[in-house]
Amino acid sequence: MSEAEIAGAIRAFYLEVYPHGDRTLDDDTDLLGEWFVDSLGVVQTVQFLEDTFGVAIGRADINADNFHSVRTMAAFVRRKLG
């Protein structure tokens, strides 16, 4: 699966679960600062990534570098997939 396909799935998840009708979600939108994803949202995102892509995400993986944006999450998942 390509990084672009992963990003598309993540973006679709965020638009469905955390809609912001008047805002555009692009690959570099700051999810924690601009999209207002809270700690529960991070937990739901981890579950989505594990279920959708079959990756195991450890506590040390959950950080701003990996979960900052759709782009950083897609790159993170791609690395996890090998």
N, C-alpha and C. Protein backbone atom coordinates (compact mmCIF):
# COMPACT_ATOMS: atom_id res chain seq x y z
N MET A 1 0.85 -1.17 0.00
CA MET A 1 0.00 0.00 0.00
C MET A 1 0.90 1.24 0.00
N SER A 2 0.58 2.18 -0.86
CA SER A 2 1.40 3.39 -0.96
C SER A 2 1.08 4.37 0.18
N GLU A 3 2.02 5.28 0.38
CA GLU A 3 1.81 6.31 1.40
C GLU A 3 0.60 7.18 1.06
N ALA A 4 0.38 7.43 -0.22
CA ALA A 4 -0.77 8.24 -0.65
C ALA A 4 -2.08 7.52 -0.33
N GLU A 5 -2.13 6.21 -0.52
CA GLU A 5 -3.34 5.45 -0.20
C GLU A 5 -3.59 5.44 1.32
N ILE A 6 -2.51 5.30 2.07
CA ILE A 6 -2.63 5.34 3.53
C ILE A 6 -3.16 6.71 3.97
N ALA A 7 -2.59 7.77 3.41
CA ALA A 7 -3.02 9.13 3.75
C ALA A 7 -4.49 9.32 3.41
N GLY A 8 -4.93 8.80 2.28
CA GLY A 8 -6.34 8.92 1.89
C GLY A 8 -7.27 8.25 2.88
N ALA A 9 -6.88 7.08 3.36
CA ALA A 9 -7.70 6.37 4.35
C ALA A 9 -7.74 7.13 5.68
N ILE A 10 -6.60 7.67 6.09
CA ILE A 10 -6.55 8.43 7.34
C ILE A 10 -7.39 9.69 7.22
N ARG A 11 -7.26 10.39 6.11
CA ARG A 11 -8.04 11.62 5.89
C ARG A 11 -9.54 11.30 5.92
N ALA A 12 -9.95 10.23 5.25
CA ALA A 12 -11.37 9.84 5.24
C ALA A 12 -11.86 9.53 6.65
N PHE A 13 -11.03 8.86 7.45
CA PHE A 13 -11.38 8.56 8.84
C PHE A 13 -11.61 9.85 9.62
N TYR A 14 -10.69 10.79 9.50
CA TYR A 14 -10.82 12.06 10.24
C TYR A 14 -12.03 12.87 9.79
N LEU A 15 -12.29 12.88 8.51
CA LEU A 15 -13.44 13.65 8.00
C LEU A 15 -14.76 13.04 8.45
N GLU A 16 -14.78 11.71 8.63
CA GLU A 16 -16.01 11.06 9.08
C GLU A 16 -16.18 11.16 10.59
N VAL A 17 -15.12 10.90 11.33
CA VAL A 17 -15.22 10.82 12.79
C VAL A 17 -15.12 12.19 13.46
N TYR A 18 -14.33 13.08 12.88
CA TYR A 18 -14.10 14.42 13.45
C TYR A 18 -14.37 15.49 12.40
N PRO A 19 -15.59 15.59 11.91
CA PRO A 19 -15.86 16.55 10.84
C PRO A 19 -15.75 18.00 11.31
N HIS A 20 -15.25 18.82 10.44
CA HIS A 20 -15.19 20.27 10.64
C HIS A 20 -15.74 20.86 9.35
N GLY A 21 -17.04 20.99 9.27
CA GLY A 21 -17.73 21.37 8.03
C GLY A 21 -17.15 22.54 7.28
N ASP A 22 -16.61 23.50 7.97
CA ASP A 22 -16.12 24.70 7.30
C ASP A 22 -14.61 24.70 7.09
N ARG A 23 -13.93 23.62 7.45
CA ARG A 23 -12.47 23.55 7.36
C ARG A 23 -12.04 22.50 6.36
N THR A 24 -10.90 22.72 5.77
CA THR A 24 -10.31 21.76 4.84
C THR A 24 -9.22 20.99 5.56
N LEU A 25 -9.23 19.68 5.40
CA LEU A 25 -8.19 18.84 5.98
C LEU A 25 -7.23 18.44 4.88
N ASP A 26 -6.01 18.94 4.96
CA ASP A 26 -5.01 18.51 3.99
C ASP A 26 -3.95 17.68 4.69
N ASP A 27 -2.98 17.22 3.95
CA ASP A 27 -1.99 16.31 4.51
C ASP A 27 -1.12 16.94 5.59
N ASP A 28 -1.03 18.26 5.63
CA ASP A 28 -0.17 18.93 6.59
C ASP A 28 -0.92 19.68 7.70
N THR A 29 -2.24 19.54 7.75
CA THR A 29 -3.01 20.17 8.82
C THR A 29 -2.55 19.64 10.17
N ASP A 30 -2.29 20.53 11.10
CA ASP A 30 -1.88 20.16 12.45
C ASP A 30 -3.10 19.58 13.17
N LEU A 31 -3.14 18.27 13.32
CA LEU A 31 -4.31 17.60 13.88
C LEU A 31 -4.54 17.95 15.34
N LEU A 32 -3.48 18.12 16.08
CA LEU A 32 -3.63 18.41 17.51
C LEU A 32 -3.90 19.88 17.76
N GLY A 33 -3.39 20.76 16.91
CA GLY A 33 -3.55 22.19 17.10
C GLY A 33 -4.68 22.81 16.31
N GLU A 34 -4.83 22.40 15.05
CA GLU A 34 -5.84 23.01 14.18
C GLU A 34 -7.11 22.17 14.06
N TRP A 35 -6.99 20.86 14.15
CA TRP A 35 -8.15 20.00 13.97
C TRP A 35 -8.76 19.60 15.30
N PHE A 36 -8.10 19.96 16.38
CA PHE A 36 -8.62 19.78 17.74
C PHE A 36 -8.91 18.32 18.10
N VAL A 37 -7.95 17.46 17.80
CA VAL A 37 -8.05 16.07 18.22
C VAL A 37 -7.50 15.97 19.64
N ASP A 38 -8.31 15.45 20.55
CA ASP A 38 -7.90 15.35 21.95
C ASP A 38 -7.34 13.96 22.24
N SER A 39 -7.09 13.68 23.51
CA SER A 39 -6.47 12.41 23.88
C SER A 39 -7.35 11.22 23.52
N LEU A 40 -8.65 11.34 23.66
CA LEU A 40 -9.55 10.26 23.24
C LEU A 40 -9.45 10.06 21.73
N GLY A 41 -9.33 11.14 20.99
CA GLY A 41 -9.17 11.05 19.55
C GLY A 41 -7.89 10.33 19.16
N VAL A 42 -6.84 10.55 19.93
CA VAL A 42 -5.57 9.86 19.66
C VAL A 42 -5.76 8.35 19.88
N VAL A 43 -6.46 7.98 20.95
CA VAL A 43 -6.72 6.57 21.22
C VAL A 43 -7.55 5.96 20.08
N GLN A 44 -8.58 6.67 19.63
CA GLN A 44 -9.40 6.17 18.53
C GLN A 44 -8.58 6.07 17.24
N THR A 45 -7.68 7.00 17.04
CA THR A 45 -6.83 6.97 15.85
C THR A 45 -5.90 5.76 15.90
N VAL A 46 -5.31 5.49 17.04
CA VAL A 46 -4.44 4.32 17.19
C VAL A 46 -5.23 3.06 16.87
N GLN A 47 -6.42 2.94 17.40
CA GLN A 47 -7.26 1.76 17.13
C GLN A 47 -7.57 1.65 15.64
N PHE A 48 -7.91 2.76 15.00
CA PHE A 48 -8.18 2.77 13.57
C PHE A 48 -6.96 2.30 12.78
N LEU A 49 -5.79 2.83 13.10
CA LEU A 49 -4.57 2.46 12.38
C LEU A 49 -4.25 0.98 12.55
N GLU A 50 -4.37 0.48 13.78
CA GLU A 50 -4.10 -0.93 14.03
C GLU A 50 -5.09 -1.83 13.29
N ASP A 51 -6.37 -1.49 13.35
CA ASP A 51 -7.40 -2.30 12.70
C ASP A 51 -7.33 -2.24 11.18
N THR A 52 -7.10 -1.05 10.66
CA THR A 52 -7.14 -0.85 9.21
C THR A 52 -5.89 -1.36 8.51
N PHE A 53 -4.74 -1.12 9.12
CA PHE A 53 -3.48 -1.44 8.45
C PHE A 53 -2.75 -2.63 9.06
N GLY A 54 -3.28 -3.19 10.14
CA GLY A 54 -2.67 -4.36 10.74
C GLY A 54 -1.30 -4.12 11.35
N VAL A 55 -1.11 -2.92 11.87
CA VAL A 55 0.17 -2.59 12.50
C VAL A 55 -0.02 -2.57 14.01
N ALA A 56 1.07 -2.84 14.72
CA ALA A 56 1.05 -2.75 16.18
C ALA A 56 1.70 -1.43 16.57
N ILE A 57 1.00 -0.66 17.37
CA ILE A 57 1.49 0.65 17.78
C ILE A 57 1.74 0.62 19.28
N GLY A 58 2.99 0.83 19.64
CA GLY A 58 3.37 0.84 21.05
C GLY A 58 3.24 2.23 21.64
N ARG A 59 3.29 2.28 22.93
CA ARG A 59 3.17 3.55 23.65
C ARG A 59 4.23 4.55 23.19
N ALA A 60 5.44 4.09 22.96
CA ALA A 60 6.54 4.97 22.53
C ALA A 60 6.31 5.56 21.13
N ASP A 61 5.46 4.90 20.33
CA ASP A 61 5.16 5.39 18.98
C ASP A 61 4.20 6.57 18.99
N ILE A 62 3.47 6.74 20.07
CA ILE A 62 2.43 7.77 20.14
C ILE A 62 3.08 9.08 20.59
N ASN A 63 3.44 9.88 19.61
CA ASN A 63 4.09 11.16 19.87
C ASN A 63 3.77 12.14 18.76
N ALA A 64 4.11 13.39 18.98
CA ALA A 64 3.78 14.44 18.02
C ALA A 64 4.47 14.24 16.68
N ASP A 65 5.64 13.61 16.67
CA ASP A 65 6.33 13.39 15.40
C ASP A 65 5.53 12.46 14.49
N ASN A 66 4.91 11.45 15.07
CA ASN A 66 4.16 10.47 14.27
C ASN A 66 2.70 10.86 14.06
N PHE A 67 2.12 11.63 14.97
CA PHE A 67 0.68 11.91 14.93
C PHE A 67 0.36 13.38 14.67
N HIS A 68 1.30 14.15 14.20
CA HIS A 68 1.11 15.57 13.97
C HIS A 68 0.10 15.86 12.85
N SER A 69 0.19 15.10 11.76
CA SER A 69 -0.63 15.38 10.58
C SER A 69 -0.94 14.09 9.84
N VAL A 70 -1.79 14.18 8.86
CA VAL A 70 -2.07 13.03 8.01
C VAL A 70 -0.77 12.55 7.37
N ARG A 71 0.06 13.47 6.89
CA ARG A 71 1.32 13.10 6.24
C ARG A 71 2.25 12.34 7.19
N THR A 72 2.41 12.83 8.42
CA THR A 72 3.33 12.15 9.34
C THR A 72 2.78 10.79 9.77
N MET A 73 1.45 10.69 9.91
CA MET A 73 0.86 9.39 10.25
C MET A 73 1.01 8.40 9.11
N ALA A 74 0.79 8.86 7.89
CA ALA A 74 0.92 7.97 6.74
C ALA A 74 2.35 7.46 6.61
N ALA A 75 3.33 8.33 6.81
CA ALA A 75 4.73 7.92 6.76
C ALA A 75 5.04 6.92 7.88
N PHE A 76 4.51 7.17 9.06
CA PHE A 76 4.69 6.28 10.20
C PHE A 76 4.12 4.90 9.90
N VAL A 77 2.88 4.84 9.39
CA VAL A 77 2.25 3.55 9.06
C VAL A 77 3.06 2.85 7.98
N ARG A 78 3.49 3.57 6.97
CA ARG A 78 4.28 2.97 5.88
C ARG A 78 5.55 2.34 6.44
N ARG A 79 6.22 3.02 7.37
CA ARG A 79 7.42 2.45 7.99
C ARG A 79 7.07 1.18 8.78
N LYS A 80 5.95 1.21 9.48
CA LYS A 80 5.52 0.05 10.25
C LYS A 80 5.21 -1.15 9.35
N LEU A 81 4.69 -0.87 8.17
CA LEU A 81 4.35 -1.94 7.22
C LEU A 81 5.61 -2.54 6.59
N GLY A 82 6.70 -1.82 6.66
CA GLY A 82 7.97 -2.33 6.12
C GLY A 82 8.20 -1.99 4.73
